[in-house]
């Protein structure tokens, strides 16, 4: 079979029992974007610069007891202009004083001992800030999605003040934003250079959205849980953060309307794990009566190219429950073909026909329904993406397969031999 397993199906298969010990059931998987801010800070640094030989000799001479300018100038044997320039510079830097005798200040003594003096320089530094927790992040984050750039509108709601100059004094996690930025930049301090002050945030911080997957689990007696998947693996830190905030009443997930509706609908179901197993079935697997509905549902929800349904009768009782899945598949440009007919007019009921015609108008060339009144076709077959099919006694579009109703026995065979699938299609599509 052609391997067309999606990331969702992989995660469903791999992590469906992640919280099984606590009796949690996986019911939905959604891709979403997590917000970070990339902040440019204009900073003042104190930088150590090695003093020159002339400056060192100047300070050393004062330390050794030369107390006046005239004696100092003779001792250093410098050109008068150079001497006056050095003296003025070191005096302005408060490295020595004249009271009236020359003597070193405490700062001058320290600089002479270190062989270097401090100067102030301005540089720009970047800090990445987590838009949910307000913590800094050293992780490399690719710019995967700019705001409004992707069709996937699922994201987490930002929980911190927008980082700008006006919010530098806002408290996040018991610290001012300015302090958080300062401490992060200070981690990069070098022996001869350290941050002294953040002057301002430069421009508008750039919002970065990193892609993750969230697996949603439910338990009848406890709050729902999530499992966050990063780069194919569980991210325990982020999972704990999101679960803690969600269970404290924060509604972090801001999903698109379609995703919200899907999440709500799947909350009432429990077949994500069952879906994941379809790709692993072997050719010829036998299906009992009540195993059939999940395949019918899977075909419309997860097909990528084409669904073919062959069934003698089409009834609105069944179609109305699948109409959203059918339309969602058409939205994804999936072709859907219904073949039906036992030679009678009412093989396709009125409401189903009206629905099919409405879908044909809305999604031209994607949905077809056809019958051959010259042949009484009692076949019941479903084909998904030409990768697998089920031939069965189960009437796909006229029998719901509800276990709560009167018991009846149907049998079917799962076939993923592509050559057999193509042969079957050629019988109906010529």
Protein backbone atom coordinates (compact mmCIF):
# COMPACT_ATOMS: atom_id res chain seq x y z
CA UNK A 1 0.00 0.00 0.00
CA UNK A 2 1.18 3.51 -0.72
CA UNK A 3 2.48 5.13 2.46
CA UNK A 4 0.46 8.27 2.97
CA UNK A 5 0.34 8.31 6.77
CA UNK A 6 -0.01 11.83 8.16
CA UNK A 7 1.73 13.23 11.24
CA UNK A 8 -1.58 13.08 13.10
CA UNK A 9 -1.95 9.38 12.34
CA UNK A 10 1.63 8.70 13.43
CA UNK A 11 1.09 10.48 16.75
CA UNK A 12 -2.28 8.77 17.25
CA UNK A 13 -0.64 5.39 16.84
CA UNK A 14 2.40 6.23 18.96
CA UNK A 15 0.88 8.13 21.88
CA UNK A 16 -2.75 6.96 22.11
CA UNK A 17 -2.09 5.35 25.52
CA UNK A 18 0.24 8.02 26.91
CA UNK A 19 -2.07 8.69 29.88
CA UNK A 20 -3.58 5.20 29.88
CA UNK A 21 -2.57 4.56 33.51
CA UNK A 22 -4.93 7.39 34.50
CA UNK A 23 -7.72 6.07 32.26
CA UNK A 24 -7.46 8.93 29.77
CA UNK A 25 -8.52 8.43 26.16
CA UNK A 26 -7.09 10.25 23.16
CA UNK A 27 -9.85 12.06 21.25
CA UNK A 28 -8.27 14.75 19.05
CA UNK A 29 -4.98 15.95 17.58
CA UNK A 30 -4.44 19.52 16.40
CA UNK A 31 -1.50 21.36 14.92
CA UNK A 32 -1.00 24.78 16.50
CA UNK A 33 1.50 27.62 16.74
CA UNK A 34 3.20 28.72 19.96
CA UNK A 35 4.10 32.44 20.27
CA UNK A 36 7.54 33.86 20.97
CA UNK A 37 8.83 37.43 20.73
CA UNK A 38 12.24 38.34 19.33
CA UNK A 39 13.21 41.60 21.09
CA UNK A 40 16.02 43.95 20.07
CA UNK A 41 17.45 45.86 23.05
CA UNK A 42 19.73 48.89 22.91
CA UNK A 43 22.13 48.38 25.81
CA UNK A 44 24.98 50.21 27.54
CA UNK A 45 27.95 47.99 28.34
CA UNK A 46 30.95 48.66 30.55
CA UNK A 47 34.00 47.50 28.68
CA UNK A 48 37.53 47.03 30.03
CA UNK A 49 40.20 48.57 27.82
CA UNK A 50 43.86 48.02 28.51
CA UNK A 51 45.59 51.27 29.45
CA UNK A 52 48.52 52.42 27.36
CA UNK A 53 52.16 52.26 28.52
CA UNK A 54 52.19 56.06 28.81
CA UNK A 55 49.04 56.05 30.99
CA UNK A 56 50.41 53.22 33.12
CA UNK A 57 53.72 55.06 33.64
CA UNK A 58 51.84 58.28 34.47
CA UNK A 59 49.76 56.60 37.21
CA UNK A 60 52.69 54.51 38.50
CA UNK A 61 54.83 57.65 38.91
CA UNK A 62 52.14 59.28 41.06
CA UNK A 63 51.81 56.10 43.10
CA UNK A 64 55.57 56.06 43.69
CA UNK A 65 55.56 59.56 45.18
CA UNK A 66 55.82 62.20 42.46
CA UNK A 67 53.46 64.89 43.72
CA UNK A 68 53.52 67.74 41.20
CA UNK A 69 53.09 68.24 37.46
CA UNK A 70 56.52 69.73 36.83
CA UNK A 71 58.38 66.80 38.38
CA UNK A 72 56.08 64.33 36.68
CA UNK A 73 56.63 65.87 33.27
CA UNK A 74 60.41 65.73 33.70
CA UNK A 75 60.26 62.13 34.94
CA UNK A 76 58.16 60.89 32.03
CA UNK A 77 60.18 62.89 29.50
CA UNK A 78 57.13 63.38 27.28
CA UNK A 79 56.50 66.06 24.71
CA UNK A 80 54.65 68.85 26.53
CA UNK A 81 51.56 68.58 24.31
CA UNK A 82 51.31 64.81 24.78
CA UNK A 83 51.86 65.13 28.53
CA UNK A 84 49.06 67.67 28.88
CA UNK A 85 46.71 65.53 26.77
CA UNK A 86 47.33 62.39 28.88
CA UNK A 87 47.05 64.36 32.14
CA UNK A 88 43.73 65.92 31.09
CA UNK A 89 42.28 62.58 30.00
CA UNK A 90 43.21 60.70 33.18
CA UNK A 91 42.00 63.58 35.32
CA UNK A 92 38.64 63.69 33.55
CA UNK A 93 38.33 59.93 34.07
CA UNK A 94 38.87 60.60 37.78
CA UNK A 95 41.96 58.43 38.04
CA UNK A 96 43.97 61.03 40.00
CA UNK A 97 43.38 64.36 41.73
CA UNK A 98 45.45 67.43 42.62
CA UNK A 99 44.83 68.48 46.24
CA UNK A 100 47.19 70.33 45.64
CA UNK A 101 49.55 67.35 45.62
CA UNK A 102 48.97 64.69 43.01
CA UNK A 103 47.48 61.45 44.29
CA UNK A 104 45.59 58.49 42.82
CA UNK A 105 41.91 57.99 43.43
CA UNK A 106 40.59 54.57 44.48
CA UNK A 107 39.48 54.07 40.89
CA UNK A 108 42.94 55.03 39.66
CA UNK A 109 44.57 52.53 42.03
CA UNK A 110 42.26 49.75 40.81
CA UNK A 111 42.85 50.50 37.13
CA UNK A 112 46.60 50.58 37.68
CA UNK A 113 46.37 47.20 39.43
CA UNK A 114 44.17 45.67 36.70
CA UNK A 115 46.05 47.29 33.85
CA UNK A 116 42.71 48.28 32.29
CA UNK A 117 40.03 50.93 32.59
CA UNK A 118 36.27 50.88 32.06
CA UNK A 119 34.54 52.67 29.23
CA UNK A 120 30.88 52.79 28.19
CA UNK A 121 29.77 51.47 24.80
CA UNK A 122 26.34 50.96 23.23
CA UNK A 123 25.42 47.72 21.49
CA UNK A 124 22.23 45.97 20.40
CA UNK A 125 21.37 42.55 21.80
CA UNK A 126 18.48 40.17 21.01
CA UNK A 127 16.37 38.29 23.53
CA UNK A 128 13.71 35.65 22.72
CA UNK A 129 10.76 35.76 25.10
CA UNK A 130 8.12 33.05 25.55
CA UNK A 131 4.72 34.62 24.82
CA UNK A 132 2.93 32.35 27.31
CA UNK A 133 5.21 32.12 30.36
CA UNK A 134 7.29 35.26 29.91
CA UNK A 135 10.47 33.21 30.34
CA UNK A 136 13.43 33.76 28.08
CA UNK A 137 14.32 31.08 25.56
CA UNK A 138 17.75 30.13 24.26
CA UNK A 139 16.29 27.69 21.77
CA UNK A 140 16.87 28.36 18.10
CA UNK A 141 13.47 29.09 16.56
CA UNK A 142 12.97 29.11 12.82
CA UNK A 143 10.48 31.65 11.53
CA UNK A 144 7.86 29.07 10.59
CA UNK A 145 4.82 31.30 10.39
CA UNK A 146 4.31 35.02 10.30
CA UNK A 147 0.97 36.32 11.49
CA UNK A 148 -1.74 35.60 8.95
CA UNK A 149 0.63 33.77 6.60
CA UNK A 150 -0.66 30.21 7.09
CA UNK A 151 -4.07 28.70 6.47
CA UNK A 152 -3.71 27.07 9.89
CA UNK A 153 -5.10 29.65 12.32
CA UNK A 154 -4.71 27.49 15.42
CA UNK A 155 -2.53 29.19 17.99
CA UNK A 156 -2.12 29.87 21.69
CA UNK A 157 -3.29 33.18 23.12
CA UNK A 158 -0.40 35.39 24.25
CA UNK A 159 -0.40 35.69 28.05
CA UNK A 160 2.18 38.43 28.64
CA UNK A 161 2.14 42.21 28.01
CA UNK A 162 3.35 43.18 24.55
CA UNK A 163 7.07 43.92 25.02
CA UNK A 164 7.74 47.59 24.31
CA UNK A 165 9.33 50.55 26.08
CA UNK A 166 6.05 51.44 27.78
CA UNK A 167 5.83 47.96 29.37
CA UNK A 168 9.44 47.59 30.56
CA UNK A 169 8.27 48.09 34.15
CA UNK A 170 5.37 45.59 33.87
CA UNK A 171 5.69 42.62 36.21
CA UNK A 172 5.96 39.12 34.68
CA UNK A 173 6.58 36.19 37.04
CA UNK A 174 7.38 38.59 39.90
CA UNK A 175 9.98 40.46 37.86
CA UNK A 176 9.86 43.59 35.76
CA UNK A 177 10.21 42.92 32.03
CA UNK A 178 13.34 45.10 32.03
CA UNK A 179 14.90 42.88 34.72
CA UNK A 180 14.08 39.72 32.75
CA UNK A 181 15.76 41.13 29.64
CA UNK A 182 18.73 42.45 31.64
CA UNK A 183 19.37 39.11 33.35
CA UNK A 184 19.20 37.22 30.07
CA UNK A 185 21.70 39.55 28.37
CA UNK A 186 23.94 39.43 31.45
CA UNK A 187 24.36 35.69 30.91
CA UNK A 188 26.41 36.62 27.85
CA UNK A 189 28.77 38.89 29.84
CA UNK A 190 32.46 38.44 29.12
CA UNK A 191 35.39 39.02 31.43
CA UNK A 192 36.19 42.37 29.82
CA UNK A 193 32.63 43.45 28.97
CA UNK A 194 29.41 43.46 31.00
CA UNK A 195 25.97 44.97 30.62
CA UNK A 196 25.31 48.10 32.64
CA UNK A 197 21.86 49.23 31.50
CA UNK A 198 19.06 48.58 28.97
CA UNK A 199 18.30 51.95 27.40
CA UNK A 200 15.32 50.94 25.27
CA UNK A 201 13.60 48.35 23.10
CA UNK A 202 14.40 49.10 19.48
CA UNK A 203 11.46 49.05 17.07
CA UNK A 204 8.64 46.50 17.30
CA UNK A 205 9.51 43.04 18.64
CA UNK A 206 9.12 40.39 15.97
CA UNK A 207 6.53 37.74 16.77
CA UNK A 208 7.65 34.20 15.96
CA UNK A 209 5.26 31.26 15.86
CA UNK A 210 6.68 27.77 16.28
CA UNK A 211 4.69 24.74 15.15
CA UNK A 212 3.71 22.04 17.63
CA UNK A 213 1.06 19.33 17.88
CA UNK A 214 -1.33 18.99 20.79
CA UNK A 215 -2.89 15.63 21.61
CA UNK A 216 -6.11 15.98 23.61
CA UNK A 217 -7.11 13.34 26.16
CA UNK A 218 -10.35 13.02 28.10
CA UNK A 219 -11.44 11.31 31.27
CA UNK A 220 -15.04 11.17 32.48
CA UNK A 221 -14.10 12.10 36.04
CA UNK A 222 -11.14 14.48 35.60
CA UNK A 223 -10.19 17.57 33.58
CA UNK A 224 -8.94 16.93 30.08
CA UNK A 225 -5.19 16.76 29.48
CA UNK A 226 -2.94 17.64 26.60
CA UNK A 227 0.34 16.21 25.38
CA UNK A 228 2.53 18.62 23.43
CA UNK A 229 4.65 17.14 20.66
CA UNK A 230 7.73 19.01 19.53
CA UNK A 231 9.75 17.72 16.60
CA UNK A 232 8.09 14.32 16.92
CA UNK A 233 8.72 13.88 20.66
CA UNK A 234 6.79 14.76 23.84
CA UNK A 235 7.80 18.10 25.35
CA UNK A 236 7.22 17.49 29.06
CA UNK A 237 8.02 21.05 30.13
CA UNK A 238 5.57 22.64 27.71
CA UNK A 239 2.98 19.94 28.41
CA UNK A 240 3.11 20.72 32.14
CA UNK A 241 2.87 24.47 31.53
CA UNK A 242 -0.16 24.19 29.25
CA UNK A 243 -1.95 21.60 31.41
CA UNK A 244 -1.41 23.72 34.53
CA UNK A 245 -2.71 26.90 32.89
CA UNK A 246 -5.65 25.17 31.19
CA UNK A 247 -6.72 23.40 34.37
CA UNK A 248 -6.51 26.68 36.30
CA UNK A 249 -9.18 28.11 34.01
CA UNK A 250 -7.05 29.73 31.30
CA UNK A 251 -8.40 29.09 27.81
CA UNK A 252 -5.10 29.07 25.94
CA UNK A 253 -6.08 27.40 22.68
CA UNK A 254 -7.48 29.79 20.10
CA UNK A 255 -8.55 27.51 17.25
CA UNK A 256 -10.20 28.23 13.94
CA UNK A 257 -13.95 27.70 13.77
CA UNK A 258 -13.55 24.41 11.90
CA UNK A 259 -10.98 23.11 14.39
CA UNK A 260 -13.19 24.10 17.34
CA UNK A 261 -16.14 22.26 15.85
CA UNK A 262 -14.02 19.21 15.09
CA UNK A 263 -12.57 19.20 18.61
CA UNK A 264 -16.02 19.41 20.13
CA UNK A 265 -17.36 16.63 17.91
CA UNK A 266 -14.41 14.34 18.58
CA UNK A 267 -14.76 14.92 22.31
CA UNK A 268 -17.86 12.74 22.05
CA UNK A 269 -16.06 10.01 20.10
CA UNK A 270 -13.29 7.58 20.90
CA UNK A 271 -11.94 6.25 17.65
CA UNK A 272 -8.69 8.16 17.03
CA UNK A 273 -6.70 5.07 17.98
CA UNK A 274 -8.89 2.88 15.78
CA UNK A 275 -8.25 5.21 12.83
CA UNK A 276 -4.50 4.88 13.30
CA UNK A 277 -4.73 1.09 12.96
CA UNK A 278 -6.29 1.14 9.49
CA UNK A 279 -2.93 1.79 7.86
CA UNK A 280 -1.53 -1.31 9.61
CA UNK A 281 -4.19 -3.85 8.56
CA UNK A 282 -3.09 -6.75 6.41
CA UNK A 283 -4.64 -7.66 3.10
CA UNK A 284 -7.71 -9.87 3.58
CA UNK A 285 -8.50 -8.80 7.15
CA UNK A 286 -12.07 -9.83 7.95
CA UNK A 287 -14.45 -7.23 9.39
CA UNK A 288 -17.50 -7.86 11.53
CA UNK A 289 -20.72 -5.84 11.34
CA UNK A 290 -19.89 -3.07 13.76
CA UNK A 291 -16.32 -2.57 12.60
CA UNK A 292 -17.57 -1.12 9.31
CA UNK A 293 -18.71 2.39 10.36
CA UNK A 294 -15.23 3.57 11.37
CA UNK A 295 -13.95 2.85 7.84
CA UNK A 296 -16.81 4.79 6.29
CA UNK A 297 -16.04 7.72 8.58
CA UNK A 298 -12.28 7.45 8.04
CA UNK A 299 -12.63 7.62 4.26
CA UNK A 300 -14.32 11.02 4.32
CA UNK A 301 -12.20 12.47 7.13
CA UNK A 302 -8.73 11.38 6.08
CA UNK A 303 -8.79 10.68 2.35
CA UNK A 304 -6.54 12.94 0.30
CA UNK A 305 -7.67 12.39 -3.28
CA UNK A 306 -10.73 10.21 -3.86
CA UNK A 307 -13.54 8.27 -2.17
CA UNK A 308 -15.72 5.83 -4.10
CA UNK A 309 -18.84 4.37 -2.48
CA UNK A 310 -20.85 1.61 -4.10
CA UNK A 311 -24.10 0.66 -2.40
CA UNK A 312 -27.54 -0.40 -3.70
CA UNK A 313 -29.52 2.23 -1.81
CA UNK A 314 -28.76 5.73 -0.57
CA UNK A 315 -30.81 6.95 2.37
CA UNK A 316 -30.90 10.41 3.96
CA UNK A 317 -30.87 8.83 7.42
CA UNK A 318 -27.23 7.92 6.79
CA UNK A 319 -26.15 10.80 4.53
CA UNK A 320 -27.39 13.51 6.91
CA UNK A 321 -25.03 12.25 9.63
CA UNK A 322 -22.10 12.30 7.21
CA UNK A 323 -22.92 15.51 5.35
CA UNK A 324 -20.37 17.61 7.28
CA UNK A 325 -17.63 15.04 6.69
CA UNK A 326 -18.57 14.86 3.01
CA UNK A 327 -18.45 18.64 2.61
CA UNK A 328 -15.18 18.92 4.55
CA UNK A 329 -13.65 16.37 2.18
CA UNK A 330 -14.87 18.37 -0.82
CA UNK A 331 -13.32 21.50 0.69
CA UNK A 332 -10.00 19.65 0.61
CA UNK A 333 -10.54 18.94 -3.14
CA UNK A 334 -11.24 15.25 -2.52
CA UNK A 335 -13.29 13.69 -5.33
CA UNK A 336 -16.32 11.71 -4.11
CA UNK A 337 -18.29 9.29 -6.31
CA UNK A 338 -21.43 7.39 -5.32
CA UNK A 339 -22.56 4.44 -7.46
CA UNK A 340 -25.96 3.04 -6.55
CA UNK A 341 -29.00 1.32 -7.93
CA UNK A 342 -31.22 -1.74 -8.00
CA UNK A 343 -33.23 -0.40 -10.93
CA UNK A 344 -35.80 1.51 -8.93
CA UNK A 345 -36.42 5.24 -8.76
CA UNK A 346 -36.33 5.39 -4.98
CA UNK A 347 -32.93 3.72 -4.71
CA UNK A 348 -31.70 7.30 -4.13
CA UNK A 349 -34.11 9.16 -1.87
CA UNK A 350 -35.15 12.76 -2.49
CA UNK A 351 -33.27 14.51 0.34
CA UNK A 352 -29.99 12.74 -0.43
CA UNK A 353 -30.31 13.69 -4.09
CA UNK A 354 -31.01 17.33 -3.19
CA UNK A 355 -27.93 17.37 -0.96
CA UNK A 356 -25.73 15.87 -3.69
CA UNK A 357 -26.96 18.43 -6.23
CA UNK A 358 -26.28 21.29 -3.78
CA UNK A 359 -22.73 19.98 -3.24
CA UNK A 360 -22.19 19.68 -7.01
CA UNK A 361 -23.11 23.35 -7.44
CA UNK A 362 -20.91 24.44 -4.56
CA UNK A 363 -17.93 22.24 -5.49
CA UNK A 364 -18.06 21.73 -9.29
CA UNK A 365 -16.55 18.54 -10.71
CA UNK A 366 -15.79 17.04 -7.30
CA UNK A 367 -18.94 15.09 -6.37
CA UNK A 368 -20.67 12.64 -8.69
CA UNK A 369 -23.54 10.19 -8.19
CA UNK A 370 -24.46 7.68 -10.81
CA UNK A 371 -26.64 4.62 -11.43
CA UNK A 372 -27.08 2.07 -14.18
CA UNK A 373 -30.77 1.18 -14.25
CA UNK A 374 -30.08 -1.63 -16.70
CA UNK A 375 -28.20 -3.61 -14.09
CA UNK A 376 -29.33 -4.49 -10.59
CA UNK A 377 -26.10 -3.88 -8.70
CA UNK A 378 -26.15 -5.28 -5.18
CA UNK A 379 -22.42 -4.62 -4.53
CA UNK A 380 -21.29 -2.88 -1.36
CA UNK A 381 -17.80 -1.48 -1.71
CA UNK A 382 -15.87 1.52 -0.39
CA UNK A 383 -12.53 2.64 -1.88
CA UNK A 384 -10.20 5.18 -0.28
CA UNK A 385 -7.52 6.97 -2.33
CA UNK A 386 -7.13 3.81 -4.43
CA UNK A 387 -4.99 2.51 -1.56
CA UNK A 388 -7.51 0.18 0.03
CA UNK A 389 -11.07 -1.01 -0.34
CA UNK A 390 -13.64 -3.03 1.55
CA UNK A 391 -15.97 -5.42 -0.23
CA UNK A 392 -18.78 -6.42 2.07
CA UNK A 393 -22.42 -7.29 2.70
CA UNK A 394 -22.72 -4.08 4.75
CA UNK A 395 -24.91 -1.44 3.06
CA UNK A 396 -22.76 1.68 3.45
CA UNK A 397 -25.44 4.27 2.66
CA UNK A 398 -28.58 2.61 3.99
CA UNK A 399 -27.47 0.90 7.21
CA UNK A 400 -25.99 2.85 10.11
CA UNK A 401 -24.41 -0.08 11.92
CA UNK A 402 -25.80 0.98 15.29
CA UNK A 403 -25.09 -1.63 17.98
CA UNK A 404 -28.04 -0.42 20.07
CA UNK A 405 -30.52 -1.49 17.38
CA UNK A 406 -31.55 -4.97 16.35
CA UNK A 407 -28.53 -7.21 15.85
CA UNK A 408 -27.65 -8.24 12.33
CA UNK A 409 -24.64 -9.94 10.86
CA UNK A 410 -22.58 -8.52 8.02
CA UNK A 411 -19.09 -9.52 6.88
CA UNK A 412 -16.50 -7.66 4.87
CA UNK A 413 -12.91 -8.01 3.64
CA UNK A 414 -10.24 -5.30 3.83
CA UNK A 415 -8.13 -5.31 0.67
CA UNK A 416 -5.01 -3.25 0.11
CA UNK A 417 -3.73 -5.10 -2.93
CA UNK A 418 -3.56 -2.12 -5.26
CA UNK A 419 -3.98 -4.20 -8.42
CA UNK A 420 -7.28 -5.57 -7.10
CA UNK A 421 -8.41 -2.09 -6.11
CA UNK A 422 -7.71 -0.78 -9.63
CA UNK A 423 -9.55 -3.71 -11.23
CA UNK A 424 -12.62 -2.93 -9.15
CA UNK A 425 -12.51 0.76 -10.05
CA UNK A 426 -12.27 -0.05 -13.75
CA UNK A 427 -15.58 -1.94 -13.54
CA UNK A 428 -17.35 1.29 -12.59
CA UNK A 429 -15.17 4.02 -14.13
CA UNK A 430 -14.37 3.47 -17.79
